[in-house]
Structure formats: C-alpha cells, structure tokens
Amino acid sequence: MKVKLFKKKFSFADNFSFFLKYNFNINTYHKKKRKPDTKCANCFSESKEFYITKTIPDFKINLLSKKLAEKFYIRAIGKCLNCNLIQEYYRFDDKDLDNYVDEIKSKDKTIGEEAWKSYPVPENYKKYLFLRHFKNRFSEWKKSNVFKNTRVKNILLLRPTLGFLVGFCEEMFPNSKIEYLDISKISEKTIAKEYPDVKNINGNIHGSFRGEFLKNQNHYDLIITNHLLVHCLNIDETLKQLKFILNKNGLIIFTDEINVKYHNPFHINFWDEEIFTNILKKRFEKMNILRNCGFPTYSTHPFTKHKDNPDFFVFKD
C-alpha cells in the first residue's frame, strides 16, 4: 500500500515546507498561489500578485490538526492590484475558524512569552505592558480632548488586555456601562477579578466578529478595538458590523493597527497608514488620526507617515 505524504493541491515546495514544519519545527520559505477568483477582502478585486514568504509561528503548529495546521502555516500573501492592500489570500473560511477556535480556545496557548502561560500574570510583566503600550496612549487621548463632544453611556471594549482599557474607561466615564470581549482566558480572569462590574459578553473576535452583540444597532457610544483588524479575515464585513452597532455621533478607536509582520500567521492584513486611512475614510463619515500613541517598533514606524504608532478615531454622524 502506498502512503501519501503530500496533498496534490499543493506544489511540492509547499508540501515539503509543511512537512518540515509540522514534523521537525523547521521554517522555510514558500509561495502559494490562490485561484484567480480569490477576491480582495477590501475592494473585492480579483487582480493580484503574490510574494514568497516565511511563516514563523510563536508555537508548534502540531498542536493543531493537520488540516488546520497546513492552512495556518502555508501562506498566500499577495497584493491587490486595485486598492494596493497586501493581504493573506489563503484565509480560513467559517468552518476553518470554528474548528480553530474549538482546538485553540485561548490566544494564550499561541503566545511565546512565558508570562502568558499561567494565571495570574506577574505584576512586573503587567507593569511592562502598561508602560509600553498604554501609558503614553492614555495620556495622548486625554490631552486631545477627543471625547469632549462624545456622550458616552454604553462602551464596548474589544481585547482590553488585562483590563488596562477598562481602567481608563472607568476613570473617564464613571457612570457608563462597559462590556467587553477578549481572546485571552488569562485576560478574562484578570478583568473578572479586578473589575467585577464589567460584563464579559458572549461572542468571538478572533478572525471574524460573531455574537448577539452585533445585533445591537446604534447601541454603543464608544467602541475601542485593540490590535484586531490586522487579524480580520474580511475587513469589509468587520467594519460594517462595527458601524452597525455604533450609535449616531458615536466613536470608534482603532489601536495598534499599523503592524506589518509578514511572518506572523495571525496577521492577515498588511496595510500602511495611507492604505488603512483610505479604507476607513471609505466607510466612515469623519476620521481623525492621533499621533504618537503606541510604541513604535520595526513593524510600525516604517509604515507610518511620521515613523510613529498612531491611533485612528472614526465617527458616525
């Protein structure tokens, strides 16, 4: 009986790349092309070109079933020749995403940093995260007076990360109702302990947004999404969902969304500031950019106009 080592739908190079990774944890370059009818997740154009890439996951992908692991590891990164968005074309479909969430129930399992391996997260690491990602951001938000004309009653926080965003909102809007979703079980446990009055609602924000909260038309006055759009499988659908649940005159803040890591298998959208700005302006009536909010790294500052890490504020009139 012959044993089939490789799948026919892949080239030999792709099959061999996956074989080395799954069995020996060796990362190699590969280039997978998608069918001509694979469309851009932003403008739906079928015109594109592909690049050679190397995937470097933070965890051993044999934690996943082989079918998911190969789709997670073998990439088809290409550039839309219509809107210029560089993106992953070999994306999960709904069934793939369901299976992935079932197999990996928390992002904590796929993070290389030791601090996320158990609860609670060490206090020195929490301090490090706050100083690196939130201290300056919150200071800039307060100085900007961006909330001056925003009446905030209902708040939705998407990936509040150990509760840093919760603490800010409770300080700024003490009489508001705060709901949240996260992709980390450790974050959820931390928030439940430190902010017991904040509601953890049911749903999914990994890859695509799902849940009953998406039916709440014109409900939230303030939505903050923390480094999620770069992971979205369908950016057009996700932005429509957010706009639907945002109240009239409401505000959405997008943080850490200029983050170009072609090697990261969780990153789906690789936009620079110009392209991301065009995507937001196409869908929202008003937009402001607040400079120097996040921590500028190799994956942010080459792709922003001022070599910084800005936040994006969009409004629904």
Protein backbone atom coordinates (compact mmCIF):
# COMPACT_ATOMS: atom_id res chain seq x y z
CA MET A 1 0.00 0.00 0.00
CA LYS A 2 1.34 3.42 -0.95
CA VAL A 3 1.43 6.14 1.69
CA LYS A 4 0.57 9.63 0.50
CA LEU A 5 2.96 12.08 2.15
CA PHE A 6 1.72 15.18 0.34
CA LYS A 7 -1.56 16.62 -0.87
CA LYS A 8 -1.93 17.05 -4.62
CA LYS A 9 -3.49 20.50 -4.32
CA PHE A 10 -0.14 21.91 -3.12
CA SER A 11 3.08 22.26 -5.04
CA PHE A 12 5.95 20.02 -3.99
CA ALA A 13 7.69 23.03 -2.38
CA ASP A 14 4.62 23.91 -0.28
CA ASN A 15 4.11 20.30 0.74
CA PHE A 16 7.74 19.95 1.72
CA SER A 17 7.64 23.21 3.69
CA PHE A 18 4.66 22.00 5.68
CA PHE A 19 6.22 18.56 6.21
CA LEU A 20 9.37 20.13 7.69
CA LYS A 21 7.40 22.46 9.93
CA TYR A 22 4.81 20.01 11.22
CA ASN A 23 7.25 17.20 11.91
CA PHE A 24 10.53 18.98 12.72
CA ASN A 25 9.50 22.60 13.52
CA ILE A 26 11.67 23.95 10.71
CA ASN A 27 10.51 27.17 9.00
CA THR A 28 11.15 27.55 5.27
CA TYR A 29 10.18 29.98 2.54
CA HIS A 30 7.20 29.19 0.36
CA LYS A 31 4.82 30.78 -2.12
CA LYS A 32 1.29 29.54 -2.58
CA LYS A 33 -0.95 30.99 -5.26
CA ARG A 34 -4.72 31.14 -4.92
CA LYS A 35 -7.26 30.66 -7.68
CA PRO A 36 -7.94 33.67 -9.91
CA ASP A 37 -11.39 34.16 -8.35
CA THR A 38 -9.98 34.75 -4.86
CA LYS A 39 -11.02 38.31 -4.10
CA CYS A 40 -9.51 41.15 -2.14
CA ALA A 41 -11.10 41.38 1.33
CA ASN A 42 -11.35 45.16 0.96
CA CYS A 43 -12.34 46.04 -2.62
CA PHE A 44 -13.23 42.55 -3.95
CA SER A 45 -10.91 42.80 -6.93
CA GLU A 46 -9.53 39.54 -8.34
CA SER A 47 -6.38 41.20 -9.66
CA LYS A 48 -3.31 40.44 -7.52
CA GLU A 49 0.30 39.32 -7.37
CA PHE A 50 1.93 37.00 -4.85
CA TYR A 51 5.14 37.06 -2.83
CA ILE A 52 7.49 34.48 -1.35
CA THR A 53 7.26 34.42 2.43
CA LYS A 54 8.35 32.55 5.53
CA THR A 55 5.88 31.83 8.33
CA ILE A 56 7.30 31.87 11.87
CA PRO A 57 4.61 30.93 14.42
CA ASP A 58 5.10 31.52 18.16
CA PHE A 59 4.04 27.96 18.93
CA LYS A 60 4.45 24.47 17.50
CA ILE A 61 1.69 24.08 14.95
CA ASN A 62 1.30 20.35 15.60
CA LEU A 63 -0.95 21.46 18.45
CA LEU A 64 -3.45 21.82 15.62
CA SER A 65 -4.94 19.11 13.46
CA LYS A 66 -3.03 18.66 10.21
CA LYS A 67 -5.78 20.14 8.06
CA LEU A 68 -5.85 23.36 10.06
CA ALA A 69 -2.11 23.46 10.59
CA GLU A 70 -1.34 23.47 6.87
CA LYS A 71 -3.79 26.28 6.21
CA PHE A 72 -2.40 28.17 9.17
CA TYR A 73 1.21 27.74 8.09
CA ILE A 74 1.23 27.75 4.27
CA ARG A 75 0.57 31.32 3.23
CA ALA A 76 -0.55 33.07 0.06
CA ILE A 77 0.43 36.67 0.74
CA GLY A 78 -0.34 38.91 -2.19
CA LYS A 79 -1.00 42.49 -3.17
CA CYS A 80 -4.32 43.63 -4.57
CA LEU A 81 -3.52 45.47 -7.78
CA ASN A 82 -6.66 47.60 -7.45
CA CYS A 83 -6.51 49.01 -3.87
CA ASN A 84 -2.86 48.03 -3.11
CA LEU A 85 -3.75 46.17 0.10
CA ILE A 86 -1.23 43.42 0.86
CA GLN A 87 -3.11 40.56 2.47
CA GLU A 88 -3.33 36.85 3.15
CA TYR A 89 -5.36 35.21 0.36
CA TYR A 90 -5.28 31.68 1.79
CA ARG A 91 -7.66 32.66 4.58
CA PHE A 92 -9.72 30.50 6.91
CA ASP A 93 -13.36 30.07 5.94
CA ASP A 94 -16.13 29.95 8.57
CA LYS A 95 -15.73 26.22 9.13
CA ASP A 96 -11.95 26.53 9.50
CA LEU A 97 -12.40 29.29 12.05
CA ASP A 98 -14.93 27.27 14.04
CA ASN A 99 -12.52 24.34 14.15
CA TYR A 100 -9.60 26.55 15.10
CA VAL A 101 -11.47 28.19 18.00
CA ASP A 102 -12.52 24.73 19.15
CA GLU A 103 -8.94 23.44 19.07
CA ILE A 104 -7.24 26.56 20.45
CA LYS A 105 -9.67 28.05 22.94
CA SER A 106 -7.40 30.89 24.07
CA LYS A 107 -4.74 33.04 22.42
CA ASP A 108 -2.61 32.34 25.49
CA LYS A 109 -1.70 28.93 24.05
CA THR A 110 -0.12 30.55 20.98
CA ILE A 111 1.98 33.24 22.71
CA GLY A 112 5.66 32.55 23.15
CA GLU A 113 6.11 34.79 26.21
CA GLU A 114 6.24 32.81 29.42
CA ALA A 115 4.14 35.37 31.33
CA TRP A 116 1.01 34.21 29.46
CA LYS A 117 1.42 30.55 30.34
CA SER A 118 -0.41 30.70 33.68
CA TYR A 119 -2.68 32.86 35.81
CA PRO A 120 -2.07 35.36 37.28
CA VAL A 121 0.25 37.30 35.01
CA PRO A 122 3.26 38.52 37.04
CA GLU A 123 2.92 42.10 38.28
CA ASN A 124 6.23 43.17 36.76
CA TYR A 125 5.04 41.97 33.34
CA LYS A 126 1.73 43.83 33.71
CA LYS A 127 3.70 46.98 34.52
CA TYR A 128 5.89 46.42 31.47
CA LEU A 129 2.85 46.06 29.19
CA PHE A 130 1.22 49.17 30.60
CA LEU A 131 4.33 51.32 30.19
CA ARG A 132 4.99 50.02 26.69
CA HIS A 133 1.50 50.06 25.20
CA PHE A 134 -0.90 52.15 27.28
CA LYS A 135 0.67 54.86 29.45
CA ASN A 136 1.52 57.23 26.62
CA ARG A 137 -1.62 56.28 24.71
CA PHE A 138 -3.93 57.23 27.57
CA SER A 139 -2.02 60.47 28.11
CA GLU A 140 -2.39 61.45 24.46
CA TRP A 141 -6.09 60.55 24.47
CA LYS A 142 -6.72 62.82 27.45
CA LYS A 143 -4.72 65.72 26.02
CA SER A 144 -6.50 65.54 22.68
CA ASN A 145 -9.99 66.29 24.07
CA VAL A 146 -11.30 63.79 21.52
CA PHE A 147 -14.07 62.74 23.94
CA LYS A 148 -15.24 66.32 24.51
CA ASN A 149 -18.33 66.13 22.31
CA THR A 150 -19.00 62.41 22.76
CA ARG A 151 -21.78 61.43 25.17
CA VAL A 152 -20.68 58.05 26.47
CA LYS A 153 -23.21 55.75 28.10
CA ASN A 154 -22.54 52.32 26.56
CA ILE A 155 -18.97 51.17 25.90
CA LEU A 156 -17.70 48.09 24.06
CA LEU A 157 -14.06 47.08 24.54
CA LEU A 158 -12.67 44.52 22.13
CA ARG A 159 -9.49 42.93 23.50
CA PRO A 160 -8.97 45.15 26.58
CA THR A 161 -5.80 43.18 27.50
CA LEU A 162 -5.65 42.52 31.27
CA GLY A 163 -8.11 45.35 31.87
CA PHE A 164 -5.96 48.38 31.02
CA LEU A 165 -8.67 49.78 28.74
CA VAL A 166 -11.32 49.01 31.35
CA GLY A 167 -9.49 51.06 33.97
CA PHE A 168 -9.17 54.01 31.60
CA CYS A 169 -12.87 53.97 30.70
CA GLU A 170 -13.99 53.67 34.31
CA GLU A 171 -11.90 56.73 35.13
CA MET A 172 -13.07 58.78 32.15
CA PHE A 173 -16.71 57.67 32.10
CA PRO A 174 -17.63 56.61 35.67
CA ASN A 175 -21.37 56.29 35.00
CA SER A 176 -21.10 54.27 31.81
CA LYS A 177 -21.92 50.60 31.18
CA ILE A 178 -18.89 48.67 29.96
CA GLU A 179 -18.99 45.38 28.05
CA TYR A 180 -16.06 43.53 26.58
CA LEU A 181 -14.75 40.58 24.61
CA ASP A 182 -11.20 39.24 24.68
CA ILE A 183 -9.24 36.45 23.01
CA SER A 184 -7.26 35.57 26.14
CA LYS A 185 -8.63 33.49 29.01
CA ILE A 186 -5.99 34.98 31.30
CA SER A 187 -7.17 38.48 30.41
CA GLU A 188 -10.75 37.45 31.15
CA LYS A 189 -9.79 36.06 34.57
CA THR A 190 -7.79 39.19 35.38
CA ILE A 191 -10.64 41.52 34.42
CA ALA A 192 -13.22 39.44 36.32
CA LYS A 193 -11.15 39.80 39.48
CA GLU A 194 -10.15 43.46 39.17
CA TYR A 195 -13.31 44.84 37.52
CA PRO A 196 -16.22 42.64 38.67
CA ASP A 197 -18.88 45.11 37.45
CA VAL A 198 -17.74 44.91 33.84
CA LYS A 199 -19.65 42.41 31.69
CA ASN A 200 -17.87 39.79 29.61
CA ILE A 201 -20.35 39.17 26.78
CA ASN A 202 -20.60 36.11 24.55
CA GLY A 203 -19.10 36.17 21.10
CA ASN A 204 -15.95 35.80 19.03
CA ILE A 205 -13.46 38.44 17.88
CA HIS A 206 -10.69 36.19 16.63
CA GLY A 207 -10.59 36.26 12.83
CA SER A 208 -14.17 37.45 12.48
CA PHE A 209 -16.70 39.05 14.80
CA ARG A 210 -19.66 36.90 15.88
CA GLY A 211 -22.25 37.11 18.62
CA GLU A 212 -25.56 38.57 19.72
CA PHE A 213 -23.90 41.93 20.44
CA LEU A 214 -23.70 42.50 16.69
CA LYS A 215 -27.50 42.82 16.59
CA ASN A 216 -27.45 45.91 18.84
CA GLN A 217 -27.94 48.55 16.17
CA ASN A 218 -26.90 52.10 17.16
CA HIS A 219 -26.17 50.91 20.71
CA TYR A 220 -22.58 51.69 21.67
CA ASP A 221 -21.37 55.25 22.11
CA LEU A 222 -17.72 54.23 22.29
CA ILE A 223 -16.02 51.15 20.82
CA ILE A 224 -12.30 50.51 21.28
CA THR A 225 -10.65 47.73 19.30
CA ASN A 226 -7.13 46.78 20.29
CA HIS A 227 -4.97 45.25 17.55
CA LEU A 228 -7.76 43.21 15.96
CA LEU A 229 -8.29 44.46 12.42
CA VAL A 230 -4.91 43.14 11.31
CA HIS A 231 -6.31 39.69 12.19
CA CYS A 232 -9.66 40.09 10.40
CA LEU A 233 -10.45 37.66 7.61
CA ASN A 234 -12.91 40.04 5.96
CA ILE A 235 -12.16 43.68 6.72
CA ASP A 236 -15.19 44.97 4.78
CA GLU A 237 -17.62 42.83 6.79
CA THR A 238 -15.96 43.67 10.11
CA LEU A 239 -16.11 47.43 9.58
CA LYS A 240 -19.76 47.20 8.52
CA GLN A 241 -20.53 45.28 11.72
CA LEU A 242 -18.81 47.87 13.89
CA LYS A 243 -20.57 50.73 12.16
CA PHE A 244 -23.95 49.00 12.57
CA ILE A 245 -23.64 48.72 16.37
CA LEU A 246 -22.15 52.21 16.80
CA ASN A 247 -24.59 54.89 17.97
CA LYS A 248 -25.15 58.06 15.97
CA ASN A 249 -22.41 60.54 16.89
CA GLY A 250 -20.54 57.58 18.38
CA LEU A 251 -16.80 56.99 18.26
CA ILE A 252 -14.59 54.01 17.43
CA ILE A 253 -10.89 53.97 18.33
CA PHE A 254 -8.57 51.61 16.48
CA THR A 255 -5.27 50.98 18.29
CA ASP A 256 -2.07 49.24 17.14
CA GLU A 257 -3.46 48.52 13.68
CA ILE A 258 -0.37 49.54 11.70
CA ASN A 259 1.65 46.42 12.44
CA VAL A 260 3.23 44.72 9.47
CA LYS A 261 4.57 41.25 10.30
CA TYR A 262 4.54 39.09 7.19
CA HIS A 263 5.95 36.16 9.18
CA ASN A 264 3.14 36.20 11.75
CA PRO A 265 0.42 33.68 10.76
CA PHE A 266 -2.21 35.59 12.76
CA HIS A 267 -1.71 38.74 10.71
CA ILE A 268 -3.98 38.83 7.67
CA ASN A 269 -3.88 42.49 6.59
CA PHE A 270 -0.59 44.29 5.94
CA TRP A 271 -1.56 47.91 5.35
CA ASP A 272 0.49 51.03 5.78
CA GLU A 273 -1.02 54.24 7.14
CA GLU A 274 -2.10 55.56 3.74
CA ILE A 275 -4.00 52.41 2.75
CA PHE A 276 -5.56 51.96 6.20
CA THR A 277 -6.67 55.60 6.17
CA ASN A 278 -8.30 55.14 2.76
CA ILE A 279 -10.12 52.03 3.99
CA LEU A 280 -11.55 53.89 6.99
CA LYS A 281 -12.49 57.05 5.03
CA LYS A 282 -14.39 54.91 2.55
CA ARG A 283 -16.68 53.64 5.33
CA PHE A 284 -16.93 56.39 7.95
CA GLU A 285 -18.09 59.99 7.71
CA LYS A 286 -15.33 61.52 9.82
CA MET A 287 -11.86 60.41 10.89
CA ASN A 288 -9.02 61.80 12.99
CA ILE A 289 -5.51 60.47 13.45
CA LEU A 290 -3.80 60.92 16.80
CA ARG A 291 -0.03 60.70 16.52
CA ASN A 292 2.48 59.03 18.85
CA CYS A 293 0.08 56.85 20.81
CA GLY A 294 1.54 53.38 20.69
CA PHE A 295 5.07 52.04 20.89
CA PRO A 296 6.90 52.38 17.54
CA THR A 297 8.72 49.20 16.51
CA TYR A 298 10.19 47.67 13.34
CA SER A 299 6.66 46.60 12.33
CA THR A 300 5.07 50.04 12.74
CA HIS A 301 7.31 53.05 12.13
CA PRO A 302 8.44 52.17 8.57
CA PHE A 303 4.77 52.07 7.57
CA THR A 304 3.52 55.33 9.10
CA LYS A 305 3.92 58.85 7.76
CA HIS A 306 5.77 60.14 10.83
CA LYS A 307 7.56 56.94 11.86
CA ASP A 308 5.33 56.59 14.92
CA ASN A 309 2.40 54.42 16.03
CA PRO A 310 -0.82 56.44 15.65
CA ASP A 311 -4.38 55.66 16.75
CA PHE A 312 -7.37 56.16 14.45
CA PHE A 313 -10.63 57.76 15.58
CA VAL A 314 -13.71 57.35 13.39
CA PHE A 315 -17.13 58.88 13.98
CA LYS A 316 -20.63 58.01 12.84
CA ASP A 317 -22.73 61.10 12.09
